[in-house]
């Protein structure tokens, strides 16, 4: 156990906190960069979001299927 959490719980907590950080930072970033500057690049933004979602989904599926001891070794 690391910080009192099992490996899988730590991975889930990390993903949840990452989501909170991104959601919290979004208003500040949108204030710094106007939407009009991003609109020409909407396809890139959508691709990044979709690929990130696919990676997180695949990683979570992979992590939930592996044994705890293997997950600890991967995380170490």
C-alpha atoms as a PDB file:
ATOM      1  CA  UNK A   1       0.000   0.000   0.000  1.00  0.00           C
ATOM      2  CA  UNK A   2       1.184   3.474  -0.865  1.00  0.00           C
ATOM      3  CA  UNK A   3      -0.110   6.408   1.204  1.00  0.00           C
ATOM      4  CA  UNK A   4      -2.658   4.018   2.696  1.00  0.00           C
ATOM      5  CA  UNK A   5      -4.161   3.218  -0.711  1.00  0.00           C
ATOM      6  CA  UNK A   6      -4.068   0.050  -2.747  1.00  0.00           C
ATOM      7  CA  UNK A   7      -2.489   0.464  -6.186  1.00  0.00           C
ATOM      8  CA  UNK A   8      -5.767   0.469  -8.112  1.00  0.00           C
ATOM      9  CA  UNK A   9      -7.352   2.944  -5.702  1.00  0.00           C
ATOM     10  CA  UNK A  10      -4.308   5.205  -6.097  1.00  0.00           C
ATOM     11  CA  UNK A  11      -4.622   5.101  -9.902  1.00  0.00           C
ATOM     12  CA  UNK A  12      -8.327   5.954  -9.714  1.00  0.00           C
ATOM     13  CA  UNK A  13      -7.674   8.795  -7.264  1.00  0.00           C
ATOM     14  CA  UNK A  14      -4.908  10.132  -9.521  1.00  0.00           C
ATOM     15  CA  UNK A  15      -7.237  10.187 -12.537  1.00  0.00           C
ATOM     16  CA  UNK A  16      -9.990  11.911 -10.560  1.00  0.00           C
ATOM     17  CA  UNK A  17      -7.604  14.575  -9.252  1.00  0.00           C
ATOM     18  CA  UNK A  18      -6.215  15.129 -12.745  1.00  0.00           C
ATOM     19  CA  UNK A  19      -9.739  15.756 -13.994  1.00  0.00           C
ATOM     20  CA  UNK A  20     -10.358  18.258 -11.179  1.00  0.00           C
ATOM     21  CA  UNK A  21      -7.113  20.086 -12.046  1.00  0.00           C
ATOM     22  CA  UNK A  22      -8.012  20.314 -15.734  1.00  0.00           C
ATOM     23  CA  UNK A  23     -11.546  21.540 -15.008  1.00  0.00           C
ATOM     24  CA  UNK A  24     -10.229  24.098 -12.515  1.00  0.00           C
ATOM     25  CA  UNK A  25      -7.548  25.395 -14.894  1.00  0.00           C
ATOM     26  CA  UNK A  26      -9.859  25.663 -17.897  1.00  0.00           C
ATOM     27  CA  UNK A  27     -11.472  29.034 -17.004  1.00  0.00           C
ATOM     28  CA  UNK A  28      -8.075  30.663 -16.425  1.00  0.00           C
ATOM     29  CA  UNK A  29      -6.733  29.341 -19.695  1.00  0.00           C
ATOM     30  CA  UNK A  30      -9.810  30.448 -21.606  1.00  0.00           C
ATOM     31  CA  UNK A  31      -9.401  33.922 -20.105  1.00  0.00           C
ATOM     32  CA  UNK A  32      -5.790  34.032 -21.321  1.00  0.00           C
ATOM     33  CA  UNK A  33      -6.483  32.653 -24.807  1.00  0.00           C
ATOM     34  CA  UNK A  34      -9.692  33.831 -26.476  1.00  0.00           C
ATOM     35  CA  UNK A  35     -11.981  31.231 -28.008  1.00  0.00           C
ATOM     36  CA  UNK A  36     -11.629  32.974 -31.372  1.00  0.00           C
ATOM     37  CA  UNK A  37      -7.941  31.997 -31.400  1.00  0.00           C
ATOM     38  CA  UNK A  38      -8.833  28.338 -30.807  1.00  0.00           C
ATOM     39  CA  UNK A  39     -11.701  27.990 -33.273  1.00  0.00           C
ATOM     40  CA  UNK A  40      -9.495  27.511 -36.344  1.00  0.00           C
ATOM     41  CA  UNK A  41      -7.884  24.562 -34.536  1.00  0.00           C
ATOM     42  CA  UNK A  42     -11.058  22.864 -33.313  1.00  0.00           C
ATOM     43  CA  UNK A  43     -10.192  19.582 -35.045  1.00  0.00           C
ATOM     44  CA  UNK A  44      -6.904  19.374 -33.136  1.00  0.00           C
ATOM     45  CA  UNK A  45      -8.659  20.166 -29.843  1.00  0.00           C
ATOM     46  CA  UNK A  46     -11.292  17.469 -30.440  1.00  0.00           C
ATOM     47  CA  UNK A  47      -8.647  14.925 -31.472  1.00  0.00           C
ATOM     48  CA  UNK A  48      -6.606  15.610 -28.324  1.00  0.00           C
ATOM     49  CA  UNK A  49      -9.696  15.256 -26.135  1.00  0.00           C
ATOM     50  CA  UNK A  50     -10.825  12.029 -27.799  1.00  0.00           C
ATOM     51  CA  UNK A  51      -7.351  10.477 -27.741  1.00  0.00           C
ATOM     52  CA  UNK A  52      -6.928  11.410 -24.074  1.00  0.00           C
ATOM     53  CA  UNK A  53     -10.278   9.842 -23.268  1.00  0.00           C
ATOM     54  CA  UNK A  54      -9.394   6.677 -25.182  1.00  0.00           C
ATOM     55  CA  UNK A  55      -6.029   6.440 -23.426  1.00  0.00           C
ATOM     56  CA  UNK A  56      -7.569   6.912 -19.991  1.00  0.00           C
ATOM     57  CA  UNK A  57     -10.297   4.366 -20.750  1.00  0.00           C
ATOM     58  CA  UNK A  58      -7.812   1.815 -22.083  1.00  0.00           C
ATOM     59  CA  UNK A  59      -5.420   2.339 -19.189  1.00  0.00           C
ATOM     60  CA  UNK A  60      -8.211   1.966 -16.647  1.00  0.00           C
ATOM     61  CA  UNK A  61      -9.436  -1.226 -18.321  1.00  0.00           C
ATOM     62  CA  UNK A  62      -5.909  -2.603 -18.361  1.00  0.00           C
ATOM     63  CA  UNK A  63      -5.261  -1.659 -14.713  1.00  0.00           C
ATOM     64  CA  UNK A  64      -8.476  -3.276 -13.461  1.00  0.00           C
ATOM     65  CA  UNK A  65      -7.663  -6.570 -15.182  1.00  0.00           C
ATOM     66  CA  UNK A  66      -4.123  -7.017 -13.905  1.00  0.00           C
ATOM     67  CA  UNK A  67      -3.124  -8.559 -10.605  1.00  0.00           C
ATOM     68  CA  UNK A  68      -2.347  -6.166  -7.790  1.00  0.00           C
ATOM     69  CA  UNK A  69       1.284  -7.308  -7.540  1.00  0.00           C
ATOM     70  CA  UNK A  70       1.819  -6.666 -11.250  1.00  0.00           C
ATOM     71  CA  UNK A  71       0.224  -3.235 -10.976  1.00  0.00           C
ATOM     72  CA  UNK A  72       2.556  -2.355  -8.097  1.00  0.00           C
ATOM     73  CA  UNK A  73       5.559  -3.317 -10.254  1.00  0.00           C
ATOM     74  CA  UNK A  74       4.280  -1.266 -13.191  1.00  0.00           C
ATOM     75  CA  UNK A  75       3.752   1.769 -10.960  1.00  0.00           C
ATOM     76  CA  UNK A  76       7.134   1.464  -9.240  1.00  0.00           C
END
